[in-house]
Amino acid sequence: LDGVRSLLDTVVIPTKKSVSTLRHYASFGNASPEASNAGEIATRLVDQVEFLRLQEENAALRKQLEAPYAPDTQFVPAHIIGIGEYSFTIDVGSVQNIHEGFAVVSEKNILGRIKKVSPKTAIVEAIIHPDSKLPATTVGSYARGLAVGTGGSVQMDQILQEDTVLVDDIVVTSDLEHVPPDLIIGTIQTIEASDEELFKIARITTALDYRKLHTVFVITP
């Protein structure tokens, strides 16, 4: 667990400084009626926001630590600081040894891959991006294909007609540099097949929406 638990050294968890900080922030929930000064109120609001952020980050970290990864898996925690139509920006970059192609996840769910890196930030191409392509397989039946972003959703292309795929099958990653196998892409919603075509297509419902997340994790070598 050394790789996964190295997160404990880089993410704020209630230890020493943060324990006292959390207690300090929690006290603001019992503000006295006399705290009417505008500056004090503003400070209390800022502190409460910080307190809630700490709680959110701690919860995300706990879930990440509980996700079933190989013991030597390394993560770099990051915050989403910008949202695009099919991409998002995170607050880590080359300074943290982040490189193009690295997978960005939440728990065991893949959100996208690093597309562009600057010293302190990186742009992540979400799996729904029209340029996103991930080799994929279904769990159980092991049907292989390519998970392709369609601009808002994902579909699994190049599935051989003789391969068995079913609605609600889980689709995971496979065989791609910097992207571990078995990261969850989503579940099959509908299947399009024709005897006249060599391949069939499966429409996928993605597991998570990056637009509703704040803390994510970059998988590094």
C-alpha atoms as a PDB file:
ATOM      1  CA  LEU A   1       0.000   0.000   0.000  1.00  0.00           C
ATOM      2  CA  ASP A   2       3.013   2.330  -0.029  1.00  0.00           C
ATOM      3  CA  GLY A   3       2.101   3.830  -3.390  1.00  0.00           C
ATOM      4  CA  VAL A   4      -1.515   4.559  -2.569  1.00  0.00           C
ATOM      5  CA  ARG A   5      -0.845   5.666   0.972  1.00  0.00           C
ATOM      6  CA  SER A   6       1.789   8.143  -0.178  1.00  0.00           C
ATOM      7  CA  LEU A   7      -1.251  10.325  -0.736  1.00  0.00           C
ATOM      8  CA  LEU A   8      -1.340  10.798   2.999  1.00  0.00           C
ATOM      9  CA  ASP A   9       1.883  12.773   2.738  1.00  0.00           C
ATOM     10  CA  THR A  10       0.581  15.167   0.091  1.00  0.00           C
ATOM     11  CA  VAL A  11      -3.130  15.678   0.747  1.00  0.00           C
ATOM     12  CA  VAL A  12      -4.475  17.610   3.717  1.00  0.00           C
ATOM     13  CA  ILE A  13      -5.955  15.133   6.210  1.00  0.00           C
ATOM     14  CA  PRO A  14      -6.849  15.953   9.818  1.00  0.00           C
ATOM     15  CA  THR A  15      -3.354  15.645  11.293  1.00  0.00           C
ATOM     16  CA  LYS A  16      -1.559  18.015  13.639  1.00  0.00           C
ATOM     17  CA  LYS A  17      -2.136  21.383  11.960  1.00  0.00           C
ATOM     18  CA  SER A  18      -5.368  20.405  10.199  1.00  0.00           C
ATOM     19  CA  VAL A  19      -6.926  18.881  13.320  1.00  0.00           C
ATOM     20  CA  SER A  20      -6.644  22.160  15.168  1.00  0.00           C
ATOM     21  CA  THR A  21      -7.735  23.951  12.005  1.00  0.00           C
ATOM     22  CA  LEU A  22     -10.869  21.828  11.689  1.00  0.00           C
ATOM     23  CA  ARG A  23     -11.749  22.412  15.322  1.00  0.00           C
ATOM     24  CA  HIS A  24     -11.211  26.131  14.804  1.00  0.00           C
ATOM     25  CA  TYR A  25     -13.445  26.153  11.715  1.00  0.00           C
ATOM     26  CA  ALA A  26     -16.111  24.045  13.395  1.00  0.00           C
ATOM     27  CA  SER A  27     -16.434  26.645  16.147  1.00  0.00           C
ATOM     28  CA  PHE A  28     -17.784  29.094  13.585  1.00  0.00           C
ATOM     29  CA  GLY A  29     -20.988  27.113  13.388  1.00  0.00           C
ATOM     30  CA  ASN A  30     -21.850  28.520  16.836  1.00  0.00           C
ATOM     31  CA  ALA A  31     -21.234  32.203  16.137  1.00  0.00           C
ATOM     32  CA  SER A  32     -22.640  34.535  18.764  1.00  0.00           C
ATOM     33  CA  PRO A  33     -25.305  37.133  17.880  1.00  0.00           C
ATOM     34  CA  GLU A  34     -22.757  39.836  18.678  1.00  0.00           C
ATOM     35  CA  ALA A  35     -20.648  38.878  15.652  1.00  0.00           C
ATOM     36  CA  SER A  36     -22.269  41.480  13.459  1.00  0.00           C
ATOM     37  CA  ASN A  37     -19.181  43.236  12.227  1.00  0.00           C
ATOM     38  CA  ALA A  38     -19.062  42.903   8.433  1.00  0.00           C
ATOM     39  CA  GLY A  39     -15.371  42.027   8.436  1.00  0.00           C
ATOM     40  CA  GLU A  40     -15.848  39.303  11.047  1.00  0.00           C
ATOM     41  CA  ILE A  41     -18.805  37.848   9.159  1.00  0.00           C
ATOM     42  CA  ALA A  42     -16.798  37.789   5.925  1.00  0.00           C
ATOM     43  CA  THR A  43     -13.931  36.054   7.711  1.00  0.00           C
ATOM     44  CA  ARG A  44     -16.289  33.480   9.195  1.00  0.00           C
ATOM     45  CA  LEU A  45     -17.723  32.709   5.754  1.00  0.00           C
ATOM     46  CA  VAL A  46     -14.251  32.243   4.280  1.00  0.00           C
ATOM     47  CA  ASP A  47     -13.297  29.944   7.146  1.00  0.00           C
ATOM     48  CA  GLN A  48     -16.476  27.919   6.798  1.00  0.00           C
ATOM     49  CA  VAL A  49     -15.873  27.464   3.068  1.00  0.00           C
ATOM     50  CA  GLU A  50     -12.340  26.279   3.815  1.00  0.00           C
ATOM     51  CA  PHE A  51     -13.680  23.891   6.440  1.00  0.00           C
ATOM     52  CA  LEU A  52     -16.165  22.392   3.969  1.00  0.00           C
ATOM     53  CA  ARG A  53     -13.420  22.054   1.338  1.00  0.00           C
ATOM     54  CA  LEU A  54     -11.249  20.162   3.809  1.00  0.00           C
ATOM     55  CA  GLN A  55     -14.119  17.807   4.573  1.00  0.00           C
ATOM     56  CA  GLU A  56     -14.722  17.242   0.845  1.00  0.00           C
ATOM     57  CA  GLU A  57     -11.042  16.566   0.143  1.00  0.00           C
ATOM     58  CA  ASN A  58     -10.785  14.173   3.062  1.00  0.00           C
ATOM     59  CA  ALA A  59     -13.835  12.245   1.853  1.00  0.00           C
ATOM     60  CA  ALA A  60     -12.399  12.037  -1.688  1.00  0.00           C
ATOM     61  CA  LEU A  61      -9.077  10.803  -0.319  1.00  0.00           C
ATOM     62  CA  ARG A  62     -10.693   8.113   1.802  1.00  0.00           C
ATOM     63  CA  LYS A  63     -12.633   6.818  -1.204  1.00  0.00           C
ATOM     64  CA  GLN A  64      -9.475   6.845  -3.333  1.00  0.00           C
ATOM     65  CA  LEU A  65      -7.558   4.878  -0.724  1.00  0.00           C
ATOM     66  CA  GLU A  66     -10.363   2.313  -0.593  1.00  0.00           C
ATOM     67  CA  ALA A  67     -10.487   1.830  -4.387  1.00  0.00           C
ATOM     68  CA  PRO A  68      -9.056  -1.506  -5.602  1.00  0.00           C
ATOM     69  CA  TYR A  69      -5.704  -0.529  -7.156  1.00  0.00           C
ATOM     70  CA  ALA A  70      -2.402  -2.390  -7.269  1.00  0.00           C
ATOM     71  CA  PRO A  71      -0.365  -1.694  -4.111  1.00  0.00           C
ATOM     72  CA  ASP A  72       2.348   0.211  -5.998  1.00  0.00           C
ATOM     73  CA  THR A  73      -0.053   2.600  -7.758  1.00  0.00           C
ATOM     74  CA  GLN A  74       1.029   6.241  -7.377  1.00  0.00           C
ATOM     75  CA  PHE A  75      -1.390   9.179  -7.315  1.00  0.00           C
ATOM     76  CA  VAL A  76      -1.021  12.954  -7.400  1.00  0.00           C
ATOM     77  CA  PRO A  77      -4.079  14.726  -5.934  1.00  0.00           C
ATOM     78  CA  ALA A  78      -5.443  17.714  -7.842  1.00  0.00           C
ATOM     79  CA  HIS A  79      -8.295  20.203  -7.817  1.00  0.00           C
ATOM     80  CA  ILE A  80     -10.423  21.085 -10.817  1.00  0.00           C
ATOM     81  CA  ILE A  81      -9.976  24.837 -11.349  1.00  0.00           C
ATOM     82  CA  GLY A  82     -11.595  25.256 -14.755  1.00  0.00           C
ATOM     83  CA  ILE A  83     -14.334  23.542 -16.762  1.00  0.00           C
ATOM     84  CA  GLY A  84     -14.497  23.422 -20.552  1.00  0.00           C
ATOM     85  CA  GLU A  85     -17.073  21.905 -22.868  1.00  0.00           C
ATOM     86  CA  TYR A  86     -15.251  18.578 -23.112  1.00  0.00           C
ATOM     87  CA  SER A  87     -12.212  19.209 -20.922  1.00  0.00           C
ATOM     88  CA  PHE A  88     -11.165  20.567 -17.547  1.00  0.00           C
ATOM     89  CA  THR A  89      -8.110  22.191 -15.961  1.00  0.00           C
ATOM     90  CA  ILE A  90      -6.389  20.941 -12.809  1.00  0.00           C
ATOM     91  CA  ASP A  91      -3.950  22.691 -10.480  1.00  0.00           C
ATOM     92  CA  VAL A  92      -0.932  20.389 -10.948  1.00  0.00           C
ATOM     93  CA  GLY A  93       1.587  20.338 -13.783  1.00  0.00           C
ATOM     94  CA  SER A  94       5.149  19.560 -14.767  1.00  0.00           C
ATOM     95  CA  VAL A  95       6.400  20.738 -11.363  1.00  0.00           C
ATOM     96  CA  GLN A  96       4.589  17.691  -9.931  1.00  0.00           C
ATOM     97  CA  ASN A  97       6.007  15.481 -12.727  1.00  0.00           C
ATOM     98  CA  ILE A  98       2.699  15.387 -14.628  1.00  0.00           C
ATOM     99  CA  HIS A  99       2.974  14.445 -18.311  1.00  0.00           C
ATOM    100  CA  GLU A 100       0.698  14.154 -21.330  1.00  0.00           C
ATOM    101  CA  GLY A 101      -1.253  10.919 -21.520  1.00  0.00           C
ATOM    102  CA  PHE A 102      -1.510  10.324 -17.764  1.00  0.00           C
ATOM    103  CA  ALA A 103      -4.923   9.091 -16.608  1.00  0.00           C
ATOM    104  CA  VAL A 104      -7.064  11.255 -14.327  1.00  0.00           C
ATOM    105  CA  VAL A 105      -9.441   9.374 -12.061  1.00  0.00           C
ATOM    106  CA  SER A 106     -11.878   9.563  -9.180  1.00  0.00           C
ATOM    107  CA  GLU A 107     -11.927   6.322  -7.204  1.00  0.00           C
ATOM    108  CA  LYS A 108     -11.651   3.612  -9.928  1.00  0.00           C
ATOM    109  CA  ASN A 109     -13.416   5.722 -12.596  1.00  0.00           C
ATOM    110  CA  ILE A 110     -11.438   7.265 -15.445  1.00  0.00           C
ATOM    111  CA  LEU A 111     -12.390  10.880 -16.158  1.00  0.00           C
ATOM    112  CA  GLY A 112      -9.906  11.604 -18.939  1.00  0.00           C
ATOM    113  CA  ARG A 113      -6.240  11.929 -19.861  1.00  0.00           C
ATOM    114  CA  ILE A 114      -3.751  14.771 -19.587  1.00  0.00           C
ATOM    115  CA  LYS A 115      -3.705  16.640 -22.904  1.00  0.00           C
ATOM    116  CA  LYS A 116      -1.499  19.682 -22.240  1.00  0.00           C
ATOM    117  CA  VAL A 117       0.870  20.487 -19.377  1.00  0.00           C
ATOM    118  CA  SER A 118       2.277  23.752 -18.030  1.00  0.00           C
ATOM    119  CA  PRO A 119       4.450  24.107 -14.923  1.00  0.00           C
ATOM    120  CA  LYS A 120       1.583  24.391 -12.435  1.00  0.00           C
ATOM    121  CA  THR A 121      -1.554  23.367 -14.327  1.00  0.00           C
ATOM    122  CA  ALA A 122      -2.706  20.771 -16.838  1.00  0.00           C
ATOM    123  CA  ILE A 123      -5.616  20.423 -19.244  1.00  0.00           C
ATOM    124  CA  VAL A 124      -7.465  17.124 -19.118  1.00  0.00           C
ATOM    125  CA  GLU A 125      -9.238  15.778 -22.194  1.00  0.00           C
ATOM    126  CA  ALA A 126     -12.416  14.212 -20.815  1.00  0.00           C
ATOM    127  CA  ILE A 127     -13.475  10.785 -22.067  1.00  0.00           C
ATOM    128  CA  ILE A 128     -16.515  12.436 -23.678  1.00  0.00           C
ATOM    129  CA  HIS A 129     -14.236  14.618 -25.864  1.00  0.00           C
ATOM    130  CA  PRO A 130     -14.699  13.864 -29.598  1.00  0.00           C
ATOM    131  CA  ASP A 131     -10.934  13.208 -29.864  1.00  0.00           C
ATOM    132  CA  SER A 132     -10.854  10.776 -26.922  1.00  0.00           C
ATOM    133  CA  LYS A 133     -10.201   7.143 -27.809  1.00  0.00           C
ATOM    134  CA  LEU A 134      -9.542   4.406 -25.249  1.00  0.00           C
ATOM    135  CA  PRO A 135      -9.090   0.690 -25.905  1.00  0.00           C
ATOM    136  CA  ALA A 136     -11.834  -0.941 -23.867  1.00  0.00           C
ATOM    137  CA  THR A 137     -13.294  -4.273 -22.875  1.00  0.00           C
ATOM    138  CA  THR A 138     -16.443  -5.445 -21.154  1.00  0.00           C
ATOM    139  CA  VAL A 139     -16.253  -7.145 -17.768  1.00  0.00           C
ATOM    140  CA  GLY A 140     -17.239 -10.810 -17.846  1.00  0.00           C
ATOM    141  CA  SER A 141     -17.801 -11.295 -21.566  1.00  0.00           C
ATOM    142  CA  TYR A 142     -14.458  -9.669 -22.487  1.00  0.00           C
ATOM    143  CA  ALA A 143     -15.763  -8.121 -25.688  1.00  0.00           C
ATOM    144  CA  ARG A 144     -13.157  -5.708 -27.021  1.00  0.00           C
ATOM    145  CA  GLY A 145     -13.611  -2.375 -28.723  1.00  0.00           C
ATOM    146  CA  LEU A 146     -12.718   1.297 -28.687  1.00  0.00           C
ATOM    147  CA  ALA A 147     -14.394   3.733 -26.269  1.00  0.00           C
ATOM    148  CA  VAL A 148     -14.818   6.909 -28.296  1.00  0.00           C
ATOM    149  CA  GLY A 149     -16.015  10.292 -27.064  1.00  0.00           C
ATOM    150  CA  THR A 150     -18.986  11.655 -28.968  1.00  0.00           C
ATOM    151  CA  GLY A 151     -19.100  15.112 -27.410  1.00  0.00           C
ATOM    152  CA  GLY A 152     -21.340  14.635 -24.399  1.00  0.00           C
ATOM    153  CA  SER A 153     -21.203  10.860 -24.060  1.00  0.00           C
ATOM    154  CA  VAL A 154     -19.134   7.786 -24.968  1.00  0.00           C
ATOM    155  CA  GLN A 155     -19.751   4.877 -27.297  1.00  0.00           C
ATOM    156  CA  MET A 156     -17.888   1.604 -27.745  1.00  0.00           C
ATOM    157  CA  ASP A 157     -17.024   1.072 -31.410  1.00  0.00           C
ATOM    158  CA  GLN A 158     -15.383  -1.800 -33.307  1.00  0.00           C
ATOM    159  CA  ILE A 159     -17.098  -4.579 -31.357  1.00  0.00           C
ATOM    160  CA  LEU A 160     -17.114  -7.748 -33.450  1.00  0.00           C
ATOM    161  CA  GLN A 161     -20.604  -8.980 -34.291  1.00  0.00           C
ATOM    162  CA  GLU A 162     -19.866 -12.386 -32.778  1.00  0.00           C
ATOM    163  CA  ASP A 163     -18.791 -10.884 -29.448  1.00  0.00           C
ATOM    164  CA  THR A 164     -21.410 -10.911 -26.717  1.00  0.00           C
ATOM    165  CA  VAL A 165     -22.334  -7.584 -25.155  1.00  0.00           C
ATOM    166  CA  LEU A 166     -25.348  -6.898 -22.988  1.00  0.00           C
ATOM    167  CA  VAL A 167     -27.114  -3.846 -21.629  1.00  0.00           C
ATOM    168  CA  ASP A 168     -25.668  -2.924 -18.207  1.00  0.00           C
ATOM    169  CA  ASP A 169     -22.326  -4.593 -18.963  1.00  0.00           C
ATOM    170  CA  ILE A 170     -19.474  -2.647 -17.329  1.00  0.00           C
ATOM    171  CA  VAL A 171     -16.883  -1.230 -19.743  1.00  0.00           C
ATOM    172  CA  VAL A 172     -13.292  -0.772 -18.548  1.00  0.00           C
ATOM    173  CA  THR A 173      -9.968   0.343 -20.006  1.00  0.00           C
ATOM    174  CA  SER A 174      -7.402  -2.011 -21.515  1.00  0.00           C
ATOM    175  CA  ASP A 175      -3.955  -1.949 -23.127  1.00  0.00           C
ATOM    176  CA  LEU A 176      -2.921   1.712 -23.279  1.00  0.00           C
ATOM    177  CA  GLU A 177       0.312   3.395 -22.179  1.00  0.00           C
ATOM    178  CA  HIS A 178      -0.047   5.433 -18.951  1.00  0.00           C
ATOM    179  CA  VAL A 179      -3.618   4.151 -18.477  1.00  0.00           C
ATOM    180  CA  PRO A 180      -3.957   1.123 -16.176  1.00  0.00           C
ATOM    181  CA  PRO A 181      -6.368  -1.630 -17.203  1.00  0.00           C
ATOM    182  CA  ASP A 182      -9.741  -2.038 -15.521  1.00  0.00           C
ATOM    183  CA  LEU A 183     -10.475   1.657 -14.946  1.00  0.00           C
ATOM    184  CA  ILE A 184     -14.243   2.043 -15.187  1.00  0.00           C
ATOM    185  CA  ILE A 185     -15.529   3.934 -18.220  1.00  0.00           C
ATOM    186  CA  GLY A 186     -19.227   3.267 -17.657  1.00  0.00           C
ATOM    187  CA  THR A 187     -22.040   0.833 -18.382  1.00  0.00           C
ATOM    188  CA  ILE A 188     -23.662  -0.131 -21.681  1.00  0.00           C
ATOM    189  CA  GLN A 189     -26.999   1.581 -22.183  1.00  0.00           C
ATOM    190  CA  THR A 190     -27.991   0.500 -25.698  1.00  0.00           C
ATOM    191  CA  ILE A 191     -26.560  -1.711 -28.456  1.00  0.00           C
ATOM    192  CA  GLU A 192     -26.733  -1.147 -32.204  1.00  0.00           C
ATOM    193  CA  ALA A 193     -26.111  -4.229 -34.349  1.00  0.00           C
ATOM    194  CA  SER A 194     -26.746  -5.138 -37.982  1.00  0.00           C
ATOM    195  CA  ASP A 195     -26.011  -8.343 -39.886  1.00  0.00           C
ATOM    196  CA  GLU A 196     -24.759  -6.169 -42.743  1.00  0.00           C
ATOM    197  CA  GLU A 197     -22.034  -4.552 -40.641  1.00  0.00           C
ATOM    198  CA  LEU A 198     -18.728  -6.034 -39.481  1.00  0.00           C
ATOM    199  CA  PHE A 199     -18.924  -4.260 -36.094  1.00  0.00           C
ATOM    200  CA  LYS A 200     -21.601  -3.276 -33.638  1.00  0.00           C
ATOM    201  CA  ILE A 201     -21.786  -0.183 -31.421  1.00  0.00           C
ATOM    202  CA  ALA A 202     -22.664   0.122 -27.752  1.00  0.00           C
ATOM    203  CA  ARG A 203     -23.746   3.416 -26.195  1.00  0.00           C
ATOM    204  CA  ILE A 204     -22.176   3.943 -22.771  1.00  0.00           C
ATOM    205  CA  THR A 205     -23.447   5.799 -19.722  1.00  0.00           C
ATOM    206  CA  THR A 206     -20.337   7.192 -18.039  1.00  0.00           C
ATOM    207  CA  ALA A 207     -19.794   6.479 -14.361  1.00  0.00           C
ATOM    208  CA  LEU A 208     -19.048  10.053 -13.200  1.00  0.00           C
ATOM    209  CA  ASP A 209     -19.519  13.623 -14.389  1.00  0.00           C
ATOM    210  CA  TYR A 210     -16.300  15.606 -13.952  1.00  0.00           C
ATOM    211  CA  ARG A 211     -18.320  18.828 -13.862  1.00  0.00           C
ATOM    212  CA  LYS A 212     -19.653  17.819 -10.450  1.00  0.00           C
ATOM    213  CA  LEU A 213     -16.248  17.056  -8.904  1.00  0.00           C
ATOM    214  CA  HIS A 214     -13.635  19.197  -7.144  1.00  0.00           C
ATOM    215  CA  THR A 215     -10.885  16.757  -6.133  1.00  0.00           C
ATOM    216  CA  VAL A 216      -9.427  14.265  -8.639  1.00  0.00           C
ATOM    217  CA  PHE A 217      -6.263  12.145  -8.844  1.00  0.00           C
ATOM    218  CA  VAL A 218      -3.609  11.744 -11.546  1.00  0.00           C
ATOM    219  CA  ILE A 219      -2.094   8.274 -11.873  1.00  0.00           C
ATOM    220  CA  THR A 220       1.689   8.532 -12.321  1.00  0.00           C
ATOM    221  CA  PRO A 221       4.332   5.863 -13.083  1.00  0.00           C
END
